Amino acid sequence: MKRVLTALILAPLVLALVFFGPMWLITLVVAAVAMLAAWEFLALTEHRGARPPRIAVLAAIAALFAGNYQWPDETLTLFGLLCIVLLVYCTFASPVERALTDATSSVFALFYLGLTLIPLPMLREATNGPSLLAFLFLTVWAGDTTAMYAGRMLGERKLAPNLSPNKTWAGAIGSVVGAVAVAGILLGLSSYLEQWNSVKLSFADEAWWYWLLLAVVVNVAAQVGDLAESALKRSAGVKDSGTLLPGHGGVLDRIDALLLAAPVLWYAQVIRLRF
């Protein structure tokens, strides 16, 4: 029940921000979420002996989002510069026996919780941006929900027991089906809204099969992202990354699927525009 109530509160707020929020606020919210998740991730690394400079890493993530907002074409250049800054910081601030673990944990946190979430504000700025983000969030959420119920009812064969003992092949297949179903609902709803001259939700720029196929690709990426975070937690010997969200664990537990799904959707749109 805690899980359901948390989702019922957060989901409408996220969608309202997607459709009606100004870009500066969207960037600020995503940056804040990235920093919270990074704080939890850095705590995980401490279970393996690292002591990364948390404040410096959070400052680097904030700088990455601020730079992307101001100079979006220079994001990768800024990311490289910030990686160098964190490396130099750990070189002189960490004890020499811990320099390797601190530096690698810090740089990876900037990549894993910073660069992978940059596509969210970038997608919002794209043509028909609110529709793209709605597609991303709703297909990921639907896949997660259907996976849970399909796994409970039909799950017997484990998907990756060494990484996540509770995940099953039935849940994985159910997740794909749920994502495609929600994508189909979005297509139908947008077609209906277009009759009333609504431009907030539209997928008319591509054939219907493109969006259904993209829902499969995004869903698979989301499931891999979930497994990747599970592997990191098991490596650290913990069950949840935190306790901030009742029923969901930590912020990192809630956004783990987006960490791969968002970049995959971004690259899919880039490839579509180029070819």
C-alpha atoms as a PDB file:
ATOM      1  CA  MET A   1       0.000   0.000   0.000  1.00  0.00           C
ATOM      2  CA  LYS A   2       2.883   2.378   0.748  1.00  0.00           C
ATOM      3  CA  ARG A   3       4.256   1.680  -2.721  1.00  0.00           C
ATOM      4  CA  VAL A   4       0.908   2.435  -4.378  1.00  0.00           C
ATOM      5  CA  LEU A   5       0.294   5.616  -2.353  1.00  0.00           C
ATOM      6  CA  THR A   6       3.776   6.937  -3.097  1.00  0.00           C
ATOM      7  CA  ALA A   7       3.256   6.317  -6.823  1.00  0.00           C
ATOM      8  CA  LEU A   8      -0.199   7.949  -6.781  1.00  0.00           C
ATOM      9  CA  ILE A   9       1.300  11.090  -5.256  1.00  0.00           C
ATOM     10  CA  LEU A  10       4.465  11.343  -7.336  1.00  0.00           C
ATOM     11  CA  ALA A  11       3.193  10.304 -10.798  1.00  0.00           C
ATOM     12  CA  PRO A  12       0.709  13.201 -11.279  1.00  0.00           C
ATOM     13  CA  LEU A  13       3.317  15.683 -10.034  1.00  0.00           C
ATOM     14  CA  VAL A  14       5.873  14.383 -12.524  1.00  0.00           C
ATOM     15  CA  LEU A  15       3.426  14.515 -15.444  1.00  0.00           C
ATOM     16  CA  ALA A  16       2.276  18.014 -14.474  1.00  0.00           C
ATOM     17  CA  LEU A  17       5.895  19.140 -14.479  1.00  0.00           C
ATOM     18  CA  VAL A  18       6.484  17.464 -17.862  1.00  0.00           C
ATOM     19  CA  PHE A  19       3.584  19.242 -19.571  1.00  0.00           C
ATOM     20  CA  PHE A  20       3.433  22.582 -17.785  1.00  0.00           C
ATOM     21  CA  GLY A  21       6.764  23.174 -16.050  1.00  0.00           C
ATOM     22  CA  PRO A  22       9.275  25.725 -17.398  1.00  0.00           C
ATOM     23  CA  MET A  23      12.630  24.396 -18.533  1.00  0.00           C
ATOM     24  CA  TRP A  24      14.568  25.894 -15.626  1.00  0.00           C
ATOM     25  CA  LEU A  25      12.310  24.129 -13.130  1.00  0.00           C
ATOM     26  CA  ILE A  26      12.515  20.804 -14.972  1.00  0.00           C
ATOM     27  CA  THR A  27      16.306  21.057 -15.049  1.00  0.00           C
ATOM     28  CA  LEU A  28      16.390  21.984 -11.354  1.00  0.00           C
ATOM     29  CA  VAL A  29      14.146  19.075 -10.327  1.00  0.00           C
ATOM     30  CA  VAL A  30      16.059  16.513 -12.380  1.00  0.00           C
ATOM     31  CA  ALA A  31      19.353  17.832 -10.995  1.00  0.00           C
ATOM     32  CA  ALA A  32      18.015  17.561  -7.437  1.00  0.00           C
ATOM     33  CA  VAL A  33      16.872  13.982  -8.039  1.00  0.00           C
ATOM     34  CA  ALA A  34      20.253  13.137  -9.556  1.00  0.00           C
ATOM     35  CA  MET A  35      22.042  14.588  -6.524  1.00  0.00           C
ATOM     36  CA  LEU A  36      19.859  12.664  -4.062  1.00  0.00           C
ATOM     37  CA  ALA A  37      20.471   9.439  -5.965  1.00  0.00           C
ATOM     38  CA  ALA A  38      24.195  10.208  -6.120  1.00  0.00           C
ATOM     39  CA  TRP A  39      24.294  10.681  -2.352  1.00  0.00           C
ATOM     40  CA  GLU A  40      22.784   7.193  -1.949  1.00  0.00           C
ATOM     41  CA  PHE A  41      25.155   5.699  -4.511  1.00  0.00           C
ATOM     42  CA  LEU A  42      28.194   7.176  -2.809  1.00  0.00           C
ATOM     43  CA  ALA A  43      26.976   5.639   0.449  1.00  0.00           C
ATOM     44  CA  LEU A  44      26.937   2.263  -1.326  1.00  0.00           C
ATOM     45  CA  THR A  45      30.567   2.683  -2.359  1.00  0.00           C
ATOM     46  CA  GLU A  46      31.525   3.190   1.269  1.00  0.00           C
ATOM     47  CA  HIS A  47      30.443  -0.392   1.942  1.00  0.00           C
ATOM     48  CA  ARG A  48      33.317  -1.411  -0.348  1.00  0.00           C
ATOM     49  CA  GLY A  49      35.934   0.715   1.354  1.00  0.00           C
ATOM     50  CA  ALA A  50      35.714   3.943  -0.638  1.00  0.00           C
ATOM     51  CA  ARG A  51      35.252   7.389   0.902  1.00  0.00           C
ATOM     52  CA  PRO A  52      34.484   9.587  -2.100  1.00  0.00           C
ATOM     53  CA  PRO A  53      34.083  13.346  -1.523  1.00  0.00           C
ATOM     54  CA  ARG A  54      30.295  13.568  -1.535  1.00  0.00           C
ATOM     55  CA  ILE A  55      30.011  17.356  -1.574  1.00  0.00           C
ATOM     56  CA  ALA A  56      32.470  17.652  -4.459  1.00  0.00           C
ATOM     57  CA  VAL A  57      30.571  15.029  -6.477  1.00  0.00           C
ATOM     58  CA  LEU A  58      27.222  16.722  -5.830  1.00  0.00           C
ATOM     59  CA  ALA A  59      28.731  20.055  -6.841  1.00  0.00           C
ATOM     60  CA  ALA A  60      30.002  18.477 -10.065  1.00  0.00           C
ATOM     61  CA  ILE A  61      26.534  17.077 -10.853  1.00  0.00           C
ATOM     62  CA  ALA A  62      24.948  20.471 -10.194  1.00  0.00           C
ATOM     63  CA  ALA A  63      27.536  22.112 -12.450  1.00  0.00           C
ATOM     64  CA  LEU A  64      26.854  19.557 -15.193  1.00  0.00           C
ATOM     65  CA  PHE A  65      23.130  20.326 -15.218  1.00  0.00           C
ATOM     66  CA  ALA A  66      23.698  24.070 -14.980  1.00  0.00           C
ATOM     67  CA  GLY A  67      26.142  23.922 -17.883  1.00  0.00           C
ATOM     68  CA  ASN A  68      23.769  21.807 -19.950  1.00  0.00           C
ATOM     69  CA  TYR A  69      20.992  24.330 -19.337  1.00  0.00           C
ATOM     70  CA  GLN A  70      23.168  27.269 -20.354  1.00  0.00           C
ATOM     71  CA  TRP A  71      25.339  25.666 -23.068  1.00  0.00           C
ATOM     72  CA  PRO A  72      23.668  22.397 -24.185  1.00  0.00           C
ATOM     73  CA  ASP A  73      26.099  21.900 -27.070  1.00  0.00           C
ATOM     74  CA  GLU A  74      29.053  21.787 -24.671  1.00  0.00           C
ATOM     75  CA  THR A  75      27.703  19.136 -22.294  1.00  0.00           C
ATOM     76  CA  LEU A  76      30.255  16.450 -23.114  1.00  0.00           C
ATOM     77  CA  THR A  77      33.107  18.961 -22.940  1.00  0.00           C
ATOM     78  CA  LEU A  78      31.933  20.046 -19.505  1.00  0.00           C
ATOM     79  CA  PHE A  79      31.532  16.435 -18.402  1.00  0.00           C
ATOM     80  CA  GLY A  80      35.137  15.690 -19.340  1.00  0.00           C
ATOM     81  CA  LEU A  81      36.359  18.768 -17.487  1.00  0.00           C
ATOM     82  CA  LEU A  82      34.429  17.826 -14.352  1.00  0.00           C
ATOM     83  CA  CYS A  83      35.830  14.286 -14.476  1.00  0.00           C
ATOM     84  CA  ILE A  84      39.349  15.757 -14.502  1.00  0.00           C
ATOM     85  CA  VAL A  85      38.480  18.072 -11.607  1.00  0.00           C
ATOM     86  CA  LEU A  86      37.202  15.140  -9.515  1.00  0.00           C
ATOM     87  CA  LEU A  87      40.289  13.085 -10.342  1.00  0.00           C
ATOM     88  CA  VAL A  88      42.616  15.906  -9.280  1.00  0.00           C
ATOM     89  CA  TYR A  89      40.560  16.537  -6.141  1.00  0.00           C
ATOM     90  CA  CYS A  90      40.733  12.887  -5.067  1.00  0.00           C
ATOM     91  CA  THR A  91      44.441  12.742  -5.906  1.00  0.00           C
ATOM     92  CA  PHE A  92      45.248  15.394  -3.302  1.00  0.00           C
ATOM     93  CA  ALA A  93      42.333  15.062  -0.843  1.00  0.00           C
ATOM     94  CA  SER A  94      42.198  11.273  -0.377  1.00  0.00           C
ATOM     95  CA  PRO A  95      44.814   9.122   1.347  1.00  0.00           C
ATOM     96  CA  VAL A  96      47.029   7.519  -1.276  1.00  0.00           C
ATOM     97  CA  GLU A  97      45.817   4.012  -0.441  1.00  0.00           C
ATOM     98  CA  ARG A  98      42.254   5.129  -1.171  1.00  0.00           C
ATOM     99  CA  ALA A  99      42.884   7.391  -4.168  1.00  0.00           C
ATOM    100  CA  LEU A 100      41.893   4.743  -6.731  1.00  0.00           C
ATOM    101  CA  THR A 101      38.553   3.814  -5.135  1.00  0.00           C
ATOM    102  CA  ASP A 102      37.636   7.401  -4.290  1.00  0.00           C
ATOM    103  CA  ALA A 103      38.449   8.746  -7.758  1.00  0.00           C
ATOM    104  CA  THR A 104      36.719   5.956  -9.677  1.00  0.00           C
ATOM    105  CA  SER A 105      33.632   6.122  -7.427  1.00  0.00           C
ATOM    106  CA  SER A 106      33.410   9.890  -7.866  1.00  0.00           C
ATOM    107  CA  VAL A 107      33.824   9.891 -11.644  1.00  0.00           C
ATOM    108  CA  PHE A 108      31.422   6.980 -12.074  1.00  0.00           C
ATOM    109  CA  ALA A 109      28.817   8.744  -9.898  1.00  0.00           C
ATOM    110  CA  LEU A 110      29.049  11.792 -12.170  1.00  0.00           C
ATOM    111  CA  PHE A 111      28.460   9.550 -15.183  1.00  0.00           C
ATOM    112  CA  TYR A 112      25.894   7.180 -13.686  1.00  0.00           C
ATOM    113  CA  LEU A 113      23.740   9.772 -11.912  1.00  0.00           C
ATOM    114  CA  GLY A 114      24.563  12.860 -13.946  1.00  0.00           C
ATOM    115  CA  LEU A 115      25.214  12.229 -17.600  1.00  0.00           C
ATOM    116  CA  THR A 116      22.550   9.523 -17.905  1.00  0.00           C
ATOM    117  CA  LEU A 117      19.826  11.885 -16.647  1.00  0.00           C
ATOM    118  CA  ILE A 118      20.839  14.859 -18.784  1.00  0.00           C
ATOM    119  CA  PRO A 119      18.631  13.485 -21.632  1.00  0.00           C
ATOM    120  CA  LEU A 120      15.502  14.269 -19.581  1.00  0.00           C
ATOM    121  CA  PRO A 121      15.680  18.077 -19.921  1.00  0.00           C
ATOM    122  CA  MET A 122      17.152  17.655 -23.416  1.00  0.00           C
ATOM    123  CA  LEU A 123      14.179  15.542 -24.504  1.00  0.00           C
ATOM    124  CA  ARG A 124      11.842  18.158 -23.055  1.00  0.00           C
ATOM    125  CA  GLU A 125      13.484  20.778 -25.282  1.00  0.00           C
ATOM    126  CA  ALA A 126      13.082  18.610 -28.400  1.00  0.00           C
ATOM    127  CA  THR A 127      10.200  18.930 -30.825  1.00  0.00           C
ATOM    128  CA  ASN A 128       7.110  17.559 -29.106  1.00  0.00           C
ATOM    129  CA  GLY A 129       9.189  17.214 -25.951  1.00  0.00           C
ATOM    130  CA  PRO A 130       6.341  16.759 -23.417  1.00  0.00           C
ATOM    131  CA  SER A 131       5.001  13.834 -25.448  1.00  0.00           C
ATOM    132  CA  LEU A 132       8.420  12.176 -25.487  1.00  0.00           C
ATOM    133  CA  LEU A 133       8.831  12.456 -21.729  1.00  0.00           C
ATOM    134  CA  ALA A 134       5.277  11.253 -21.107  1.00  0.00           C
ATOM    135  CA  PHE A 135       6.016   8.274 -23.357  1.00  0.00           C
ATOM    136  CA  LEU A 136       9.223   7.553 -21.438  1.00  0.00           C
ATOM    137  CA  PHE A 137       7.800   7.787 -17.932  1.00  0.00           C
ATOM    138  CA  LEU A 138       4.533   5.981 -18.611  1.00  0.00           C
ATOM    139  CA  THR A 139       6.093   3.058 -20.484  1.00  0.00           C
ATOM    140  CA  VAL A 140       8.726   2.622 -17.757  1.00  0.00           C
ATOM    141  CA  TRP A 141       6.153   2.818 -14.962  1.00  0.00           C
ATOM    142  CA  ALA A 142       3.740   0.481 -16.728  1.00  0.00           C
ATOM    143  CA  GLY A 143       6.493  -2.023 -17.380  1.00  0.00           C
ATOM    144  CA  ASP A 144       7.553  -1.966 -13.742  1.00  0.00           C
ATOM    145  CA  THR A 145       3.989  -2.471 -12.501  1.00  0.00           C
ATOM    146  CA  THR A 146       3.059  -5.288 -14.884  1.00  0.00           C
ATOM    147  CA  ALA A 147       6.377  -7.009 -14.209  1.00  0.00           C
ATOM    148  CA  MET A 148       5.599  -7.093 -10.497  1.00  0.00           C
ATOM    149  CA  TYR A 149       2.164  -8.648 -10.906  1.00  0.00           C
ATOM    150  CA  ALA A 150       3.109 -11.010 -13.746  1.00  0.00           C
ATOM    151  CA  GLY A 151       6.105 -12.211 -11.764  1.00  0.00           C
ATOM    152  CA  ARG A 152       3.976 -12.897  -8.689  1.00  0.00           C
ATOM    153  CA  MET A 153       1.260 -14.759 -10.571  1.00  0.00           C
ATOM    154  CA  LEU A 154       3.247 -16.607 -13.228  1.00  0.00           C
ATOM    155  CA  GLY A 155       6.874 -16.345 -12.268  1.00  0.00           C
ATOM    156  CA  GLU A 156       8.798 -19.564 -11.779  1.00  0.00           C
ATOM    157  CA  ARG A 157      11.917 -19.367 -13.907  1.00  0.00           C
ATOM    158  CA  LYS A 158      14.327 -16.774 -12.573  1.00  0.00           C
ATOM    159  CA  LEU A 159      15.667 -14.117 -14.926  1.00  0.00           C
ATOM    160  CA  ALA A 160      18.991 -13.309 -13.260  1.00  0.00           C
ATOM    161  CA  PRO A 161      19.070 -14.866  -9.767  1.00  0.00           C
ATOM    162  CA  ASN A 162      22.613 -13.730  -9.057  1.00  0.00           C
ATOM    163  CA  LEU A 163      21.642 -10.100  -9.644  1.00  0.00           C
ATOM    164  CA  SER A 164      18.009  -9.905  -8.547  1.00  0.00           C
ATOM    165  CA  PRO A 165      16.497 -13.084  -7.050  1.00  0.00           C
ATOM    166  CA  ASN A 166      12.893 -11.865  -7.333  1.00  0.00           C
ATOM    167  CA  LYS A 167      12.906 -11.124 -11.066  1.00  0.00           C
ATOM    168  CA  THR A 168      11.494 -13.782 -13.393  1.00  0.00           C
ATOM    169  CA  TRP A 169      11.152 -14.317 -17.119  1.00  0.00           C
ATOM    170  CA  ALA A 170       7.375 -14.020 -16.754  1.00  0.00           C
ATOM    171  CA  GLY A 171       7.839 -10.633 -15.119  1.00  0.00           C
ATOM    172  CA  ALA A 172      10.231  -9.515 -17.861  1.00  0.00           C
ATOM    173  CA  ILE A 173       7.818 -10.526 -20.617  1.00  0.00           C
ATOM    174  CA  GLY A 174       4.904  -8.977 -18.734  1.00  0.00           C
ATOM    175  CA  SER A 175       6.904  -5.772 -18.445  1.00  0.00           C
ATOM    176  CA  VAL A 176       7.329  -5.580 -22.226  1.00  0.00           C
ATOM    177  CA  VAL A 177       3.627  -6.273 -22.766  1.00  0.00           C
ATOM    178  CA  GLY A 178       2.654  -3.575 -20.264  1.00  0.00           C
ATOM    179  CA  ALA A 179       4.932  -1.005 -21.891  1.00  0.00           C
ATOM    180  CA  VAL A 180       3.585  -1.737 -25.369  1.00  0.00           C
ATOM    181  CA  ALA A 181      -0.002  -1.609 -24.093  1.00  0.00           C
ATOM    182  CA  VAL A 182       0.506   1.818 -22.520  1.00  0.00           C
ATOM    183  CA  ALA A 183       2.232   3.052 -25.673  1.00  0.00           C
ATOM    184  CA  GLY A 184      -0.819   1.933 -27.655  1.00  0.00           C
ATOM    185  CA  ILE A 185      -3.108   3.755 -25.228  1.00  0.00           C
ATOM    186  CA  LEU A 186      -1.022   6.915 -25.589  1.00  0.00           C
ATOM    187  CA  LEU A 187      -1.260   6.684 -29.384  1.00  0.00           C
ATOM    188  CA  GLY A 188      -5.018   6.311 -29.251  1.00  0.00           C
ATOM    189  CA  LEU A 189      -5.412   9.108 -26.709  1.00  0.00           C
ATOM    190  CA  SER A 190      -3.222  11.486 -28.695  1.00  0.00           C
ATOM    191  CA  SER A 191      -5.216  10.786 -31.872  1.00  0.00           C
ATOM    192  CA  TYR A 192      -8.401  11.624 -29.978  1.00  0.00           C
ATOM    193  CA  LEU A 193      -6.923  14.813 -28.507  1.00  0.00           C
ATOM    194  CA  GLU A 194      -5.692  15.995 -31.895  1.00  0.00           C
ATOM    195  CA  GLN A 195      -9.330  16.220 -33.005  1.00  0.00           C
ATOM    196  CA  TRP A 196      -9.726  18.936 -30.367  1.00  0.00           C
ATOM    197  CA  ASN A 197      -6.617  20.820 -31.529  1.00  0.00           C
ATOM    198  CA  SER A 198      -4.528  19.705 -28.573  1.00  0.00           C
ATOM    199  CA  VAL A 199      -0.768  19.901 -29.092  1.00  0.00           C
ATOM    200  CA  LYS A 200       0.273  18.775 -25.598  1.00  0.00           C
ATOM    201  CA  LEU A 201       0.219  15.072 -26.482  1.00  0.00           C
ATOM    202  CA  SER A 202       0.946  14.008 -30.044  1.00  0.00           C
ATOM    203  CA  PHE A 203       2.825  11.177 -31.728  1.00  0.00           C
ATOM    204  CA  ALA A 204       1.790  12.008 -35.283  1.00  0.00           C
ATOM    205  CA  ASP A 205       5.367  12.640 -36.451  1.00  0.00           C
ATOM    206  CA  GLU A 206       6.018   8.890 -36.797  1.00  0.00           C
ATOM    207  CA  ALA A 207       4.072   5.784 -37.814  1.00  0.00           C
ATOM    208  CA  TRP A 208       2.273   3.929 -35.043  1.00  0.00           C
ATOM    209  CA  TRP A 209       4.560   0.893 -35.306  1.00  0.00           C
ATOM    210  CA  TYR A 210       7.622   3.073 -34.611  1.00  0.00           C
ATOM    211  CA  TRP A 211       6.307   4.011 -31.189  1.00  0.00           C
ATOM    212  CA  LEU A 212       5.332   0.442 -30.320  1.00  0.00           C
ATOM    213  CA  LEU A 213       8.779  -0.780 -31.339  1.00  0.00           C
ATOM    214  CA  LEU A 214      10.374   2.051 -29.382  1.00  0.00           C
ATOM    215  CA  ALA A 215       8.327   1.047 -26.329  1.00  0.00           C
ATOM    216  CA  VAL A 216       9.926  -2.412 -26.501  1.00  0.00           C
ATOM    217  CA  VAL A 217      13.439  -0.964 -26.828  1.00  0.00           C
ATOM    218  CA  VAL A 218      12.929   1.517 -23.980  1.00  0.00           C
ATOM    219  CA  ASN A 219      11.412  -1.188 -21.777  1.00  0.00           C
ATOM    220  CA  VAL A 220      14.314  -3.577 -22.316  1.00  0.00           C
ATOM    221  CA  ALA A 221      16.744  -0.759 -21.498  1.00  0.00           C
ATOM    222  CA  ALA A 222      14.748   0.000 -18.336  1.00  0.00           C
ATOM    223  CA  GLN A 223      14.898  -3.632 -17.229  1.00  0.00           C
ATOM    224  CA  VAL A 224      18.658  -3.754 -17.814  1.00  0.00           C
ATOM    225  CA  GLY A 225      19.009  -0.522 -15.828  1.00  0.00           C
ATOM    226  CA  ASP A 226      17.082  -2.099 -12.975  1.00  0.00           C
ATOM    227  CA  LEU A 227      19.330  -5.171 -13.026  1.00  0.00           C
ATOM    228  CA  ALA A 228      22.464  -3.025 -13.173  1.00  0.00           C
ATOM    229  CA  GLU A 229      21.452  -1.154 -10.020  1.00  0.00           C
ATOM    230  CA  SER A 230      20.604  -4.459  -8.335  1.00  0.00           C
ATOM    231  CA  ALA A 231      24.094  -5.714  -9.164  1.00  0.00           C
ATOM    232  CA  LEU A 232      25.630  -2.594  -7.594  1.00  0.00           C
ATOM    233  CA  LYS A 233      23.561  -3.004  -4.434  1.00  0.00           C
ATOM    234  CA  ARG A 234      24.381  -6.700  -4.106  1.00  0.00           C
ATOM    235  CA  SER A 235      28.040  -5.872  -4.569  1.00  0.00           C
ATOM    236  CA  ALA A 236      27.707  -3.443  -1.663  1.00  0.00           C
ATOM    237  CA  GLY A 237      25.752  -5.978   0.382  1.00  0.00           C
ATOM    238  CA  VAL A 238      22.566  -3.925   0.804  1.00  0.00           C
ATOM    239  CA  LYS A 239      18.940  -4.477  -0.187  1.00  0.00           C
ATOM    240  CA  ASP A 240      17.832  -0.875  -0.808  1.00  0.00           C
ATOM    241  CA  SER A 241      19.815   2.226  -1.676  1.00  0.00           C
ATOM    242  CA  GLY A 242      17.883   4.270   0.904  1.00  0.00           C
ATOM    243  CA  THR A 243      14.583   4.780   2.726  1.00  0.00           C
ATOM    244  CA  LEU A 244      13.413   8.170   1.456  1.00  0.00           C
ATOM    245  CA  LEU A 245      10.444   6.865  -0.575  1.00  0.00           C
ATOM    246  CA  PRO A 246       8.047   4.639   1.422  1.00  0.00           C
ATOM    247  CA  GLY A 247       7.520   1.305  -0.298  1.00  0.00           C
ATOM    248  CA  HIS A 248      10.129   2.073  -2.959  1.00  0.00           C
ATOM    249  CA  GLY A 249      13.366   2.275  -0.985  1.00  0.00           C
ATOM    250  CA  GLY A 250      15.658   5.110  -1.977  1.00  0.00           C
ATOM    251  CA  VAL A 251      15.642   7.595  -4.828  1.00  0.00           C
ATOM    252  CA  LEU A 252      18.181   5.481  -6.713  1.00  0.00           C
ATOM    253  CA  ASP A 253      15.877   2.467  -6.395  1.00  0.00           C
ATOM    254  CA  ARG A 254      13.069   4.478  -7.979  1.00  0.00           C
ATOM    255  CA  ILE A 255      15.000   5.929 -10.925  1.00  0.00           C
ATOM    256  CA  ASP A 256      17.312   2.991 -11.738  1.00  0.00           C
ATOM    257  CA  ALA A 257      15.316   2.056 -14.851  1.00  0.00           C
ATOM    258  CA  LEU A 258      15.445   5.636 -16.176  1.00  0.00           C
ATOM    259  CA  LEU A 259      19.239   5.671 -15.981  1.00  0.00           C
ATOM    260  CA  LEU A 260      19.376   3.537 -19.129  1.00  0.00           C
ATOM    261  CA  ALA A 261      15.905   4.125 -20.569  1.00  0.00           C
ATOM    262  CA  ALA A 262      16.344   7.914 -20.874  1.00  0.00           C
ATOM    263  CA  PRO A 263      19.653   7.744 -22.818  1.00  0.00           C
ATOM    264  CA  VAL A 264      18.271   4.984 -25.049  1.00  0.00           C
ATOM    265  CA  LEU A 265      15.223   7.090 -25.938  1.00  0.00           C
ATOM    266  CA  TRP A 266      17.476  10.079 -26.586  1.00  0.00           C
ATOM    267  CA  TYR A 267      19.794   8.116 -28.888  1.00  0.00           C
ATOM    268  CA  ALA A 268      16.825   6.537 -30.662  1.00  0.00           C
ATOM    269  CA  GLN A 269      15.527  10.023 -31.472  1.00  0.00           C
ATOM    270  CA  VAL A 270      18.966  11.177 -32.584  1.00  0.00           C
ATOM    271  CA  ILE A 271      19.328   8.165 -34.909  1.00  0.00           C
ATOM    272  CA  ARG A 272      15.830   8.743 -36.275  1.00  0.00           C
ATOM    273  CA  LEU A 273      16.624  12.375 -37.092  1.00  0.00           C
ATOM    274  CA  ARG A 274      19.989  11.506 -38.670  1.00  0.00           C
ATOM    275  CA  PHE A 275      18.794   8.600 -40.802  1.00  0.00           C
END
